């Protein structure tokens, strides 16, 4: 999207957590792999060619993230999460066929997964 200052080309969405070390295991289970990069105190997972989810320790802000990620293979992702002890809210199916579910991390951050039909 062009702006007066140039073109925006990448998205970094930060998920604030209270304990980065403890969160790394949970997010590794969520994404099905360890962080793709660690830069300073931030752990980064690449979710597309131009978008990253960043987990960073900010106890004062922990639990306030709201993210929605488009996924393929929702059932397999949910099975992996349950196998790692991470629960989720009930899966909803919208009128357009999109399946949507909210997964809550230990800090209360709400990570939604949406799968198109």
C-alpha atoms as a PDB file:
ATOM      1  CA  UNK A   1       0.000   0.000   0.000  1.00  0.00           C
ATOM      2  CA  UNK A   2       1.658   3.278  -1.049  1.00  0.00           C
ATOM      3  CA  UNK A   3       2.063   5.989   1.521  1.00  0.00           C
ATOM      4  CA  UNK A   4       3.467   9.486   1.369  1.00  0.00           C
ATOM      5  CA  UNK A   5       6.648   8.079   2.923  1.00  0.00           C
ATOM      6  CA  UNK A   6       6.979   5.098   0.583  1.00  0.00           C
ATOM      7  CA  UNK A   7       5.695   1.558   0.341  1.00  0.00           C
ATOM      8  CA  UNK A   8       5.015  -0.770   3.259  1.00  0.00           C
ATOM      9  CA  UNK A   9       6.357  -4.209   2.439  1.00  0.00           C
ATOM     10  CA  UNK A  10       6.519  -6.288   5.624  1.00  0.00           C
ATOM     11  CA  UNK A  11       4.368  -6.948   8.665  1.00  0.00           C
ATOM     12  CA  UNK A  12       5.761  -7.781  12.105  1.00  0.00           C
ATOM     13  CA  UNK A  13       2.997  -8.570  14.620  1.00  0.00           C
ATOM     14  CA  UNK A  14       4.269  -8.607  18.193  1.00  0.00           C
ATOM     15  CA  UNK A  15       2.750 -10.942  20.776  1.00  0.00           C
ATOM     16  CA  UNK A  16       3.722  -9.644  24.225  1.00  0.00           C
ATOM     17  CA  UNK A  17       4.418 -12.339  26.814  1.00  0.00           C
ATOM     18  CA  UNK A  18       5.258 -12.255  30.510  1.00  0.00           C
ATOM     19  CA  UNK A  19       8.093 -14.808  30.292  1.00  0.00           C
ATOM     20  CA  UNK A  20       9.840 -15.168  26.926  1.00  0.00           C
ATOM     21  CA  UNK A  21      11.704 -18.359  27.841  1.00  0.00           C
ATOM     22  CA  UNK A  22       8.493 -20.080  28.936  1.00  0.00           C
ATOM     23  CA  UNK A  23       6.589 -18.805  25.891  1.00  0.00           C
ATOM     24  CA  UNK A  24       9.085 -20.207  23.382  1.00  0.00           C
ATOM     25  CA  UNK A  25       7.960 -23.798  23.981  1.00  0.00           C
ATOM     26  CA  UNK A  26       4.289 -22.920  23.679  1.00  0.00           C
ATOM     27  CA  UNK A  27       4.797 -20.987  20.451  1.00  0.00           C
ATOM     28  CA  UNK A  28       7.026 -23.724  19.020  1.00  0.00           C
ATOM     29  CA  UNK A  29       4.087 -26.114  19.534  1.00  0.00           C
ATOM     30  CA  UNK A  30       1.660 -23.547  18.078  1.00  0.00           C
ATOM     31  CA  UNK A  31       3.725 -23.094  14.906  1.00  0.00           C
ATOM     32  CA  UNK A  32       4.992 -26.679  14.781  1.00  0.00           C
ATOM     33  CA  UNK A  33       8.634 -25.580  14.806  1.00  0.00           C
ATOM     34  CA  UNK A  34      11.117 -23.493  16.785  1.00  0.00           C
ATOM     35  CA  UNK A  35      11.460 -19.788  15.995  1.00  0.00           C
ATOM     36  CA  UNK A  36      12.817 -19.088  12.526  1.00  0.00           C
ATOM     37  CA  UNK A  37      15.016 -16.317  13.895  1.00  0.00           C
ATOM     38  CA  UNK A  38      16.008 -14.912  17.263  1.00  0.00           C
ATOM     39  CA  UNK A  39      17.071 -11.281  17.208  1.00  0.00           C
ATOM     40  CA  UNK A  40      18.074  -9.822  20.547  1.00  0.00           C
ATOM     41  CA  UNK A  41      15.261 -10.739  22.915  1.00  0.00           C
ATOM     42  CA  UNK A  42      12.719 -11.365  20.151  1.00  0.00           C
ATOM     43  CA  UNK A  43      11.748 -14.747  18.697  1.00  0.00           C
ATOM     44  CA  UNK A  44      10.355 -14.521  15.164  1.00  0.00           C
ATOM     45  CA  UNK A  45       8.214 -16.979  13.221  1.00  0.00           C
ATOM     46  CA  UNK A  46       7.801 -16.365   9.480  1.00  0.00           C
ATOM     47  CA  UNK A  47       4.173 -16.872   8.494  1.00  0.00           C
ATOM     48  CA  UNK A  48       4.501 -15.704   4.867  1.00  0.00           C
ATOM     49  CA  UNK A  49       7.070 -14.143   2.576  1.00  0.00           C
ATOM     50  CA  UNK A  50       6.379 -10.727   4.097  1.00  0.00           C
ATOM     51  CA  UNK A  51       4.823 -11.375   7.507  1.00  0.00           C
ATOM     52  CA  UNK A  52       6.248 -12.448  10.858  1.00  0.00           C
ATOM     53  CA  UNK A  53       4.854 -13.145  14.313  1.00  0.00           C
ATOM     54  CA  UNK A  54       7.244 -11.821  16.945  1.00  0.00           C
ATOM     55  CA  UNK A  55       7.191 -13.076  20.544  1.00  0.00           C
ATOM     56  CA  UNK A  56       8.763 -10.592  22.923  1.00  0.00           C
ATOM     57  CA  UNK A  57       8.802 -10.198  26.678  1.00  0.00           C
ATOM     58  CA  UNK A  58       6.610  -7.282  27.776  1.00  0.00           C
ATOM     59  CA  UNK A  59       4.965  -8.337  31.065  1.00  0.00           C
ATOM     60  CA  UNK A  60       3.016  -5.086  31.305  1.00  0.00           C
ATOM     61  CA  UNK A  61       1.355  -5.781  27.932  1.00  0.00           C
ATOM     62  CA  UNK A  62       1.123  -9.580  28.047  1.00  0.00           C
ATOM     63  CA  UNK A  63      -2.250 -11.054  27.188  1.00  0.00           C
ATOM     64  CA  UNK A  64      -3.448  -8.238  24.933  1.00  0.00           C
ATOM     65  CA  UNK A  65      -2.584  -9.568  21.465  1.00  0.00           C
ATOM     66  CA  UNK A  66      -5.304 -10.407  18.974  1.00  0.00           C
ATOM     67  CA  UNK A  67      -4.093 -12.098  15.784  1.00  0.00           C
ATOM     68  CA  UNK A  68      -5.847 -13.992  13.024  1.00  0.00           C
ATOM     69  CA  UNK A  69      -3.817 -16.312  10.825  1.00  0.00           C
ATOM     70  CA  UNK A  70      -5.121 -17.937   7.665  1.00  0.00           C
ATOM     71  CA  UNK A  71      -4.153 -21.620   7.710  1.00  0.00           C
ATOM     72  CA  UNK A  72      -4.429 -24.843   5.754  1.00  0.00           C
ATOM     73  CA  UNK A  73      -4.897 -28.122   7.621  1.00  0.00           C
ATOM     74  CA  UNK A  74      -6.735 -26.706  10.629  1.00  0.00           C
ATOM     75  CA  UNK A  75      -7.580 -30.133  12.082  1.00  0.00           C
ATOM     76  CA  UNK A  76      -3.928 -31.221  12.040  1.00  0.00           C
ATOM     77  CA  UNK A  77      -2.871 -27.966  13.715  1.00  0.00           C
ATOM     78  CA  UNK A  78      -5.483 -28.396  16.448  1.00  0.00           C
ATOM     79  CA  UNK A  79      -4.439 -32.028  17.009  1.00  0.00           C
ATOM     80  CA  UNK A  80      -0.809 -30.902  17.418  1.00  0.00           C
ATOM     81  CA  UNK A  81      -1.830 -28.221  19.913  1.00  0.00           C
ATOM     82  CA  UNK A  82      -3.917 -30.630  21.972  1.00  0.00           C
ATOM     83  CA  UNK A  83      -1.022 -33.128  21.952  1.00  0.00           C
ATOM     84  CA  UNK A  84       1.145 -30.380  23.486  1.00  0.00           C
ATOM     85  CA  UNK A  85      -1.460 -29.534  26.138  1.00  0.00           C
ATOM     86  CA  UNK A  86      -2.738 -26.370  24.452  1.00  0.00           C
ATOM     87  CA  UNK A  87      -6.494 -26.193  24.316  1.00  0.00           C
ATOM     88  CA  UNK A  88      -8.701 -24.144  22.054  1.00  0.00           C
ATOM     89  CA  UNK A  89     -12.199 -22.755  21.933  1.00  0.00           C
ATOM     90  CA  UNK A  90     -14.846 -24.560  19.859  1.00  0.00           C
ATOM     91  CA  UNK A  91     -14.406 -24.440  16.092  1.00  0.00           C
ATOM     92  CA  UNK A  92     -17.013 -22.266  14.363  1.00  0.00           C
ATOM     93  CA  UNK A  93     -18.047 -22.542  10.737  1.00  0.00           C
ATOM     94  CA  UNK A  94     -19.211 -19.285   9.195  1.00  0.00           C
ATOM     95  CA  UNK A  95     -21.883 -19.008   6.510  1.00  0.00           C
ATOM     96  CA  UNK A  96     -19.205 -18.677   3.835  1.00  0.00           C
ATOM     97  CA  UNK A  97     -17.658 -21.990   4.920  1.00  0.00           C
ATOM     98  CA  UNK A  98     -14.646 -20.534   6.714  1.00  0.00           C
ATOM     99  CA  UNK A  99     -13.736 -22.529   9.819  1.00  0.00           C
ATOM    100  CA  UNK A 100     -12.491 -20.360  12.698  1.00  0.00           C
ATOM    101  CA  UNK A 101     -11.097 -21.153  16.122  1.00  0.00           C
ATOM    102  CA  UNK A 102      -9.429 -19.176  18.905  1.00  0.00           C
ATOM    103  CA  UNK A 103      -6.370 -20.531  20.694  1.00  0.00           C
ATOM    104  CA  UNK A 104      -5.351 -18.758  23.894  1.00  0.00           C
ATOM    105  CA  UNK A 105      -1.717 -18.774  25.018  1.00  0.00           C
ATOM    106  CA  UNK A 106      -0.729 -19.000  28.711  1.00  0.00           C
ATOM    107  CA  UNK A 107      -0.717 -15.183  28.989  1.00  0.00           C
ATOM    108  CA  UNK A 108      -4.207 -14.828  27.502  1.00  0.00           C
ATOM    109  CA  UNK A 109      -3.171 -13.675  24.008  1.00  0.00           C
ATOM    110  CA  UNK A 110      -5.877 -14.703  21.554  1.00  0.00           C
ATOM    111  CA  UNK A 111      -4.565 -16.295  18.361  1.00  0.00           C
ATOM    112  CA  UNK A 112      -7.317 -17.043  15.860  1.00  0.00           C
ATOM    113  CA  UNK A 113      -6.906 -19.604  13.095  1.00  0.00           C
ATOM    114  CA  UNK A 114      -9.110 -19.390  10.012  1.00  0.00           C
ATOM    115  CA  UNK A 115      -9.298 -22.002   7.243  1.00  0.00           C
ATOM    116  CA  UNK A 116     -11.070 -21.265   3.964  1.00  0.00           C
ATOM    117  CA  UNK A 117     -13.242 -24.016   2.493  1.00  0.00           C
END
